[in-house]
Amino acid sequence: MNENNVKMLEFPQRGDERGHLVIVEGMKDVPFEIKRIFYIYGSDTDVVRGQHANKKSQFVLINVAGKSKVKVKDGLGNEAVFSLNRPHTGIYLPQMVWKDMYDFSDDSVLLVLSSEHYDSDEYIRDYAEFVKLVTRKTQSGEK
């Protein structure tokens, strides 16, 4: 997988005897303007969330409580698994990356920052269709 694509991020932390503060700013700590924020909680360990790619949206996923795993695929046969288990780290997911979130702990709260407002038309929910789009794009030399 291209190193310019999916990557782990570490966010600034401040703290003292009162506790910790983690700072995440758009266009500074994440490579996009944050237009939407949502979070996932209450998912059982055997539940798989995501199971899609996005044509436009970029995401940063942060497990602010508990832990989960994220499997990413580029549609060309490359995949990687990331463990999200520290509230001051996250994973950056650019557009056109297939993502599966799973193995949620009972106390998992997965915070998601998005570069775009929700648009169901930009979601690719069929993996075979995703592979076809990526293969076509690669063969034509598009970036």
C-alpha atoms as a PDB file:
ATOM      1  CA  MET A   1       0.000   0.000   0.000  1.00  0.00           C
ATOM      2  CA  ASN A   2       1.317   3.436  -0.901  1.00  0.00           C
ATOM      3  CA  GLU A   3       2.884   5.126   2.137  1.00  0.00           C
ATOM      4  CA  ASN A   4       1.297   8.445   1.073  1.00  0.00           C
ATOM      5  CA  ASN A   5      -2.123   6.947   1.648  1.00  0.00           C
ATOM      6  CA  VAL A   6      -3.194   5.224   4.856  1.00  0.00           C
ATOM      7  CA  LYS A   7      -1.112   6.211   7.865  1.00  0.00           C
ATOM      8  CA  MET A   8      -1.179   6.343  11.635  1.00  0.00           C
ATOM      9  CA  LEU A   9      -1.344   9.784  13.235  1.00  0.00           C
ATOM     10  CA  GLU A  10      -0.317  10.856  16.725  1.00  0.00           C
ATOM     11  CA  PHE A  11      -2.054  13.886  18.223  1.00  0.00           C
ATOM     12  CA  PRO A  12      -0.679  16.439  20.699  1.00  0.00           C
ATOM     13  CA  GLN A  13      -1.467  15.648  24.337  1.00  0.00           C
ATOM     14  CA  ARG A  14      -1.525  17.933  27.300  1.00  0.00           C
ATOM     15  CA  GLY A  15      -2.016  16.770  30.825  1.00  0.00           C
ATOM     16  CA  ASP A  16      -1.362  17.135  34.484  1.00  0.00           C
ATOM     17  CA  GLU A  17      -2.756  15.734  37.728  1.00  0.00           C
ATOM     18  CA  ARG A  18      -6.264  16.713  36.545  1.00  0.00           C
ATOM     19  CA  GLY A  19      -6.159  14.426  33.499  1.00  0.00           C
ATOM     20  CA  HIS A  20      -5.337  14.524  29.806  1.00  0.00           C
ATOM     21  CA  LEU A  21      -6.395  16.702  26.886  1.00  0.00           C
ATOM     22  CA  VAL A  22      -5.911  15.578  23.277  1.00  0.00           C
ATOM     23  CA  ILE A  23      -6.030  18.210  20.545  1.00  0.00           C
ATOM     24  CA  VAL A  24      -7.101  17.492  16.944  1.00  0.00           C
ATOM     25  CA  GLU A  25      -7.360  20.390  14.483  1.00  0.00           C
ATOM     26  CA  GLY A  26      -8.392  20.260  10.836  1.00  0.00           C
ATOM     27  CA  MET A  27      -5.705  21.204   8.294  1.00  0.00           C
ATOM     28  CA  LYS A  28      -3.121  20.916  11.062  1.00  0.00           C
ATOM     29  CA  ASP A  29      -3.337  17.543  12.823  1.00  0.00           C
ATOM     30  CA  VAL A  30      -5.470  15.974  10.068  1.00  0.00           C
ATOM     31  CA  PRO A  31      -4.864  16.702   6.360  1.00  0.00           C
ATOM     32  CA  PHE A  32      -8.335  18.098   5.644  1.00  0.00           C
ATOM     33  CA  GLU A  33     -10.998  20.509   6.842  1.00  0.00           C
ATOM     34  CA  ILE A  34     -13.332  18.615   9.165  1.00  0.00           C
ATOM     35  CA  LYS A  35     -16.904  18.812   7.855  1.00  0.00           C
ATOM     36  CA  ARG A  36     -18.550  15.952   9.737  1.00  0.00           C
ATOM     37  CA  ILE A  37     -17.967  14.126  13.014  1.00  0.00           C
ATOM     38  CA  PHE A  38     -19.643  10.938  14.174  1.00  0.00           C
ATOM     39  CA  TYR A  39     -18.867   8.107  16.532  1.00  0.00           C
ATOM     40  CA  ILE A  40     -19.607   4.402  16.790  1.00  0.00           C
ATOM     41  CA  TYR A  41     -20.247   2.667  20.109  1.00  0.00           C
ATOM     42  CA  GLY A  42     -22.123  -0.346  21.413  1.00  0.00           C
ATOM     43  CA  SER A  43     -20.880  -2.666  18.646  1.00  0.00           C
ATOM     44  CA  ASP A  44     -20.339  -6.287  19.630  1.00  0.00           C
ATOM     45  CA  THR A  45     -16.939  -7.906  19.149  1.00  0.00           C
ATOM     46  CA  ASP A  46     -18.162  -9.981  16.185  1.00  0.00           C
ATOM     47  CA  VAL A  47     -19.752  -7.020  14.346  1.00  0.00           C
ATOM     48  CA  VAL A  48     -17.995  -5.639  11.247  1.00  0.00           C
ATOM     49  CA  ARG A  49     -18.701  -1.971  10.482  1.00  0.00           C
ATOM     50  CA  GLY A  50     -17.711   0.039   7.442  1.00  0.00           C
ATOM     51  CA  GLN A  51     -17.448  -2.456   4.607  1.00  0.00           C
ATOM     52  CA  HIS A  52     -17.224   0.305   2.020  1.00  0.00           C
ATOM     53  CA  ALA A  53     -14.983   2.768   0.204  1.00  0.00           C
ATOM     54  CA  ASN A  54     -15.628   6.429  -0.558  1.00  0.00           C
ATOM     55  CA  LYS A  55     -15.074   8.268  -3.816  1.00  0.00           C
ATOM     56  CA  LYS A  56     -14.518  11.690  -2.161  1.00  0.00           C
ATOM     57  CA  SER A  57     -14.459  11.441   1.629  1.00  0.00           C
ATOM     58  CA  GLN A  58     -11.282  11.205   3.662  1.00  0.00           C
ATOM     59  CA  PHE A  59     -11.477  10.021   7.266  1.00  0.00           C
ATOM     60  CA  VAL A  60      -9.520   9.937  10.493  1.00  0.00           C
ATOM     61  CA  LEU A  61     -10.578   7.223  12.963  1.00  0.00           C
ATOM     62  CA  ILE A  62      -9.716   7.552  16.655  1.00  0.00           C
ATOM     63  CA  ASN A  63     -10.694   5.100  19.382  1.00  0.00           C
ATOM     64  CA  VAL A  64     -11.272   7.636  22.157  1.00  0.00           C
ATOM     65  CA  ALA A  65     -12.235   4.784  24.511  1.00  0.00           C
ATOM     66  CA  GLY A  66     -11.592   1.063  24.344  1.00  0.00           C
ATOM     67  CA  LYS A  67     -10.128  -0.501  21.247  1.00  0.00           C
ATOM     68  CA  SER A  68     -10.943  -1.776  17.778  1.00  0.00           C
ATOM     69  CA  LYS A  69      -9.194  -2.862  14.597  1.00  0.00           C
ATOM     70  CA  VAL A  70      -9.359  -1.453  11.087  1.00  0.00           C
ATOM     71  CA  LYS A  71      -8.559  -3.516   8.002  1.00  0.00           C
ATOM     72  CA  VAL A  72      -7.866  -1.471   4.886  1.00  0.00           C
ATOM     73  CA  LYS A  73      -7.590  -2.718   1.299  1.00  0.00           C
ATOM     74  CA  ASP A  74      -6.489  -0.852  -1.805  1.00  0.00           C
ATOM     75  CA  GLY A  75      -8.349  -3.092  -4.287  1.00  0.00           C
ATOM     76  CA  LEU A  76      -5.077  -4.215  -5.866  1.00  0.00           C
ATOM     77  CA  GLY A  77      -4.389  -7.079  -3.465  1.00  0.00           C
ATOM     78  CA  ASN A  78      -2.729  -5.068  -0.678  1.00  0.00           C
ATOM     79  CA  GLU A  79      -4.201  -4.910   2.796  1.00  0.00           C
ATOM     80  CA  ALA A  80      -3.158  -3.911   6.289  1.00  0.00           C
ATOM     81  CA  VAL A  81      -4.659  -4.152   9.765  1.00  0.00           C
ATOM     82  CA  PHE A  82      -4.332  -1.340  12.306  1.00  0.00           C
ATOM     83  CA  SER A  83      -5.094  -1.574  16.020  1.00  0.00           C
ATOM     84  CA  LEU A  84      -6.657   1.527  17.505  1.00  0.00           C
ATOM     85  CA  ASN A  85      -6.128   1.356  21.248  1.00  0.00           C
ATOM     86  CA  ARG A  86      -4.751   4.735  22.386  1.00  0.00           C
ATOM     87  CA  PRO A  87      -6.934   7.864  22.521  1.00  0.00           C
ATOM     88  CA  HIS A  88      -4.139  10.088  21.207  1.00  0.00           C
ATOM     89  CA  THR A  89      -3.558   8.156  17.978  1.00  0.00           C
ATOM     90  CA  GLY A  90      -5.677   7.646  14.904  1.00  0.00           C
ATOM     91  CA  ILE A  91      -5.588   6.339  11.386  1.00  0.00           C
ATOM     92  CA  TYR A  92      -5.859   8.518   8.296  1.00  0.00           C
ATOM     93  CA  LEU A  93      -7.872   6.976   5.460  1.00  0.00           C
ATOM     94  CA  PRO A  94      -7.832   8.799   2.111  1.00  0.00           C
ATOM     95  CA  GLN A  95     -10.590   8.393  -0.462  1.00  0.00           C
ATOM     96  CA  MET A  96     -10.854   5.122  -2.399  1.00  0.00           C
ATOM     97  CA  VAL A  97      -9.686   2.844   0.413  1.00  0.00           C
ATOM     98  CA  TRP A  98     -11.868  -0.098   1.458  1.00  0.00           C
ATOM     99  CA  LYS A  99     -12.336  -0.169   5.227  1.00  0.00           C
ATOM    100  CA  ASP A 100     -13.653  -2.714   7.738  1.00  0.00           C
ATOM    101  CA  MET A 101     -13.836  -1.824  11.434  1.00  0.00           C
ATOM    102  CA  TYR A 102     -14.148  -4.783  13.809  1.00  0.00           C
ATOM    103  CA  ASP A 103     -13.050  -6.473  17.054  1.00  0.00           C
ATOM    104  CA  PHE A 104     -14.635  -3.752  19.183  1.00  0.00           C
ATOM    105  CA  SER A 105     -14.069  -3.927  22.938  1.00  0.00           C
ATOM    106  CA  ASP A 106     -17.166  -3.564  25.143  1.00  0.00           C
ATOM    107  CA  ASP A 107     -16.159   0.018  26.004  1.00  0.00           C
ATOM    108  CA  SER A 108     -15.138   1.036  22.460  1.00  0.00           C
ATOM    109  CA  VAL A 109     -16.036   4.514  21.241  1.00  0.00           C
ATOM    110  CA  LEU A 110     -14.706   5.031  17.716  1.00  0.00           C
ATOM    111  CA  LEU A 111     -14.655   8.715  16.753  1.00  0.00           C
ATOM    112  CA  VAL A 112     -14.675   9.465  13.014  1.00  0.00           C
ATOM    113  CA  LEU A 113     -13.672  12.779  11.428  1.00  0.00           C
ATOM    114  CA  SER A 114     -14.731  13.257   7.806  1.00  0.00           C
ATOM    115  CA  SER A 115     -13.676  15.683   5.086  1.00  0.00           C
ATOM    116  CA  GLU A 116     -17.162  15.677   3.532  1.00  0.00           C
ATOM    117  CA  HIS A 117     -20.800  15.943   4.504  1.00  0.00           C
ATOM    118  CA  TYR A 118     -22.719  12.679   4.131  1.00  0.00           C
ATOM    119  CA  ASP A 119     -23.603  11.776   0.534  1.00  0.00           C
ATOM    120  CA  SER A 120     -24.794   8.204  -0.032  1.00  0.00           C
ATOM    121  CA  ASP A 121     -23.927   8.439  -3.751  1.00  0.00           C
ATOM    122  CA  GLU A 122     -20.189   8.573  -3.040  1.00  0.00           C
ATOM    123  CA  TYR A 123     -20.199   5.300  -1.091  1.00  0.00           C
ATOM    124  CA  ILE A 124     -19.066   2.094  -2.805  1.00  0.00           C
ATOM    125  CA  ARG A 125     -20.592  -0.788  -0.849  1.00  0.00           C
ATOM    126  CA  ASP A 126     -19.772  -3.682  -3.189  1.00  0.00           C
ATOM    127  CA  TYR A 127     -16.156  -4.871  -2.980  1.00  0.00           C
ATOM    128  CA  ALA A 128     -16.145  -6.299  -6.542  1.00  0.00           C
ATOM    129  CA  GLU A 129     -17.303  -2.925  -7.892  1.00  0.00           C
ATOM    130  CA  PHE A 130     -14.569  -1.200  -5.846  1.00  0.00           C
ATOM    131  CA  VAL A 131     -11.897  -3.501  -7.323  1.00  0.00           C
ATOM    132  CA  LYS A 132     -13.163  -2.786 -10.856  1.00  0.00           C
ATOM    133  CA  LEU A 133     -13.026   0.984 -10.288  1.00  0.00           C
ATOM    134  CA  VAL A 134      -9.510   0.854  -8.796  1.00  0.00           C
ATOM    135  CA  THR A 135      -8.235  -1.456 -11.561  1.00  0.00           C
ATOM    136  CA  ARG A 136      -9.716   0.775 -14.265  1.00  0.00           C
ATOM    137  CA  LYS A 137      -8.211   3.878 -12.639  1.00  0.00           C
ATOM    138  CA  THR A 138      -4.791   2.205 -12.317  1.00  0.00           C
ATOM    139  CA  GLN A 139      -4.802   0.979 -15.914  1.00  0.00           C
ATOM    140  CA  SER A 140      -5.711   4.427 -17.222  1.00  0.00           C
ATOM    141  CA  GLY A 141      -2.914   6.051 -15.171  1.00  0.00           C
ATOM    142  CA  GLU A 142      -5.246   8.275 -13.125  1.00  0.00           C
ATOM    143  CA  LYS A 143      -4.189   9.444  -9.710  1.00  0.00           C
END
